Protein backbone atom coordinates (compact mmCIF):
# COMPACT_ATOMS: atom_id res chain seq x y z
CA UNK A 1 -106.06 99.93 2.41
CA UNK A 2 -102.98 102.12 2.67
CA UNK A 3 -99.49 100.75 2.27
CA UNK A 4 -97.99 97.97 0.25
CA UNK A 5 -99.91 94.71 0.18
CA UNK A 6 -99.04 91.44 -1.43
CA UNK A 7 -101.19 88.36 -1.79
CA UNK A 8 -100.05 85.08 -0.32
CA UNK A 9 -101.60 81.70 -1.07
CA UNK A 10 -103.87 80.61 1.75
CA UNK A 11 -102.14 77.24 2.14
CA UNK A 12 -98.65 78.73 2.52
CA UNK A 13 -97.50 80.59 5.60
CA UNK A 14 -94.85 83.23 5.37
CA UNK A 15 -92.12 82.77 7.94
CA UNK A 16 -90.51 86.12 8.38
CA UNK A 17 -87.91 87.06 10.95
CA UNK A 18 -89.58 89.83 12.98
CA UNK A 19 -86.22 90.94 14.37
CA UNK A 20 -84.96 91.61 10.83
CA UNK A 21 -87.69 94.21 10.30
CA UNK A 22 -86.94 95.71 13.71
CA UNK A 23 -83.22 95.97 12.91
CA UNK A 24 -83.95 97.51 9.51
CA UNK A 25 -86.23 100.12 11.05
CA UNK A 26 -83.69 100.81 13.80
CA UNK A 27 -80.88 101.21 11.25
CA UNK A 28 -82.88 103.69 9.16
CA UNK A 29 -83.74 105.72 12.28
CA UNK A 30 -80.12 105.90 13.32
CA UNK A 31 -78.72 106.67 9.88
CA UNK A 32 -76.54 109.73 10.09
CA UNK A 33 -74.58 111.89 7.71
CA UNK A 34 -71.10 110.33 7.37
CA UNK A 35 -69.58 113.80 6.99
CA UNK A 36 -70.22 114.34 10.70
CA UNK A 37 -68.72 111.07 11.94
CA UNK A 38 -66.25 111.66 14.77
CA UNK A 39 -67.58 115.17 15.24
CA UNK A 40 -68.31 117.11 18.40
CA UNK A 41 -71.77 116.83 19.96
CA UNK A 42 -73.03 119.85 21.89
CA UNK A 43 -76.24 120.18 23.87
CA UNK A 44 -77.97 123.46 23.07
CA UNK A 45 -81.17 125.01 24.38
CA UNK A 46 -80.48 128.71 23.92
CA UNK A 47 -79.53 129.34 27.56
CA UNK A 48 -76.40 131.29 28.50
CA UNK A 49 -74.55 128.16 29.64
CA UNK A 50 -75.43 126.31 26.43
CA UNK A 51 -74.23 129.28 24.37
CA UNK A 52 -70.86 129.08 26.16
CA UNK A 53 -70.79 125.33 25.51
CA UNK A 54 -71.55 125.98 21.84
CA UNK A 55 -68.71 128.51 21.59
CA UNK A 56 -66.27 126.00 23.10
CA UNK A 57 -67.55 123.21 20.85
CA UNK A 58 -67.11 125.39 17.75
CA UNK A 59 -63.48 126.03 18.66
CA UNK A 60 -62.94 122.34 19.37
CA UNK A 61 -64.49 121.28 16.05
CA UNK A 62 -62.37 123.83 14.16
CA UNK A 63 -59.18 122.59 15.88
CA UNK A 64 -60.07 118.97 15.15
CA UNK A 65 -61.20 119.70 11.61
CA UNK A 66 -64.51 117.91 12.25
CA UNK A 67 -68.20 118.70 12.10
CA UNK A 68 -70.42 120.01 14.86
CA UNK A 69 -73.58 118.16 15.86
CA UNK A 70 -75.84 120.57 17.76
CA UNK A 71 -78.52 118.69 19.71
CA UNK A 72 -81.69 120.22 21.09
CA UNK A 73 -83.59 117.85 23.33
CA UNK A 74 -87.22 118.83 23.70
CA UNK A 75 -88.92 117.94 26.95
CA UNK A 76 -91.98 116.01 25.81
CA UNK A 77 -93.07 114.55 29.12
CA UNK A 78 -95.88 115.96 31.24
CA UNK A 79 -95.01 117.70 34.47
CA UNK A 80 -96.40 114.78 36.49
CA UNK A 81 -93.29 112.77 35.55
CA UNK A 82 -91.06 115.38 37.19
CA UNK A 83 -93.23 115.21 40.30
CA UNK A 84 -92.60 111.45 40.52
CA UNK A 85 -96.06 110.36 39.38
CA UNK A 86 -96.89 108.04 36.54
CA UNK A 87 -97.96 110.01 33.47
CA UNK A 88 -101.53 109.35 32.30
CA UNK A 89 -100.35 109.42 28.67
CA UNK A 90 -97.11 110.07 26.88
CA UNK A 91 -97.21 113.52 25.35
CA UNK A 92 -95.47 113.92 22.01
CA UNK A 93 -96.11 117.54 21.13
CA UNK A 94 -93.77 119.16 18.60
CA UNK A 95 -91.42 121.66 20.18
CA UNK A 96 -91.36 124.82 18.07
CA UNK A 97 -88.36 126.03 20.06
CA UNK A 98 -86.15 123.83 17.86
CA UNK A 99 -87.30 125.69 14.75
CA UNK A 100 -86.55 129.03 16.40
CA UNK A 101 -83.10 127.82 17.52
CA UNK A 102 -82.41 126.50 14.03
CA UNK A 103 -83.23 129.85 12.46
CA UNK A 104 -81.05 131.69 15.00
CA UNK A 105 -78.15 129.32 14.35
CA UNK A 106 -78.55 129.58 10.56
CA UNK A 107 -78.18 133.36 10.80
CA UNK A 108 -75.19 133.22 13.18
CA UNK A 109 -71.86 134.37 11.77
CA UNK A 110 -69.83 132.41 14.33
CA UNK A 111 -70.90 129.10 12.76
CA UNK A 112 -69.48 129.99 9.36
CA UNK A 113 -66.11 128.34 10.03
CA UNK A 114 -67.41 124.86 10.81
CA UNK A 115 -69.87 122.44 9.16
CA UNK A 116 -72.81 121.87 11.49
CA UNK A 117 -76.19 120.21 11.75
CA UNK A 118 -79.04 120.61 14.22
CA UNK A 119 -80.59 117.42 15.58
CA UNK A 120 -83.87 117.47 17.50
CA UNK A 121 -84.66 114.73 19.96
CA UNK A 122 -87.33 114.23 22.58
CA UNK A 123 -86.94 112.58 25.96
CA UNK A 124 -84.26 112.40 28.61
CA UNK A 125 -81.48 114.87 27.88
CA UNK A 126 -78.62 112.65 29.09
CA UNK A 127 -79.83 109.60 27.20
CA UNK A 128 -80.44 111.49 23.97
CA UNK A 129 -77.07 113.28 24.02
CA UNK A 130 -75.28 109.98 24.58
CA UNK A 131 -77.37 108.30 21.88
CA UNK A 132 -76.49 111.00 19.33
CA UNK A 133 -72.84 110.71 20.39
CA UNK A 134 -72.99 106.96 19.77
CA UNK A 135 -74.73 107.32 16.40
CA UNK A 136 -72.13 109.77 15.13
CA UNK A 137 -69.15 108.11 16.91
CA UNK A 138 -68.51 111.52 18.44
CA UNK A 139 -65.12 112.38 19.85
CA UNK A 140 -66.70 114.33 22.72
CA UNK A 141 -69.93 115.71 24.14
CA UNK A 142 -69.92 119.35 25.28
CA UNK A 143 -72.58 120.65 27.67
CA UNK A 144 -73.06 123.73 29.80
CA UNK A 145 -73.25 123.49 33.55
CA UNK A 146 -76.57 123.76 35.35
CA UNK A 147 -76.94 126.70 37.70
CA UNK A 148 -79.66 127.16 40.24
CA UNK A 149 -81.85 125.21 42.57
CA UNK A 150 -83.22 122.79 39.95
CA UNK A 151 -79.75 121.36 39.27
CA UNK A 152 -79.07 120.99 42.96
CA UNK A 153 -82.33 119.16 43.66
CA UNK A 154 -82.61 116.87 40.65
CA UNK A 155 -78.92 116.62 39.77
CA UNK A 156 -77.36 118.37 36.84
CA UNK A 157 -77.48 117.06 33.30
CA UNK A 158 -73.71 117.45 33.09
CA UNK A 159 -73.12 115.36 36.21
CA UNK A 160 -75.47 112.57 35.14
CA UNK A 161 -74.02 112.56 31.64
CA UNK A 162 -70.43 112.44 32.89
CA UNK A 163 -71.26 109.38 35.02
CA UNK A 164 -72.94 107.38 32.27
CA UNK A 165 -71.38 108.48 28.96
CA UNK A 166 -69.11 106.21 26.95
CA UNK A 167 -67.09 109.13 25.55
CA UNK A 168 -65.47 112.25 27.00
CA UNK A 169 -67.88 114.83 28.41
CA UNK A 170 -66.71 118.43 28.64
CA UNK A 171 -68.66 120.63 31.04
CA UNK A 172 -68.40 124.36 30.43
CA UNK A 173 -69.14 126.58 33.48
């Protein structure tokens, strides 16, 4: 059997607090580098608007003397969710786009003036950006604006994030 196992006498029951294990697992998942506390979170997917948001966030981080937390949120839900249907299963397929973005960012000269990290998340973009902002006690979240018909129909990420975030949201056109 894999994992750690300990023997317990048959006549003695172990009374463990199940919430303690849950809190310990939650704390280890949300552990973040303290060097990036009170940094600037920026949503980045490689699009033109996210590149403009990244450029603004770099300048902001340099002016504040803080770190930059670049977040790429991978869409890991099937297309049936976007059509309003219940998904048959939750799809958790690794997004190789994050690796490509990480390599591009590592080779970028414009990131040389600021300490930065790349965080990959999966799920709802607004929720994940706010969650990363909370974990790092970010001073602000910077996102690019959504252009096109998709943003008009479903609502833009920037608009939804600005309504629900607990910290300043800066939307770059």
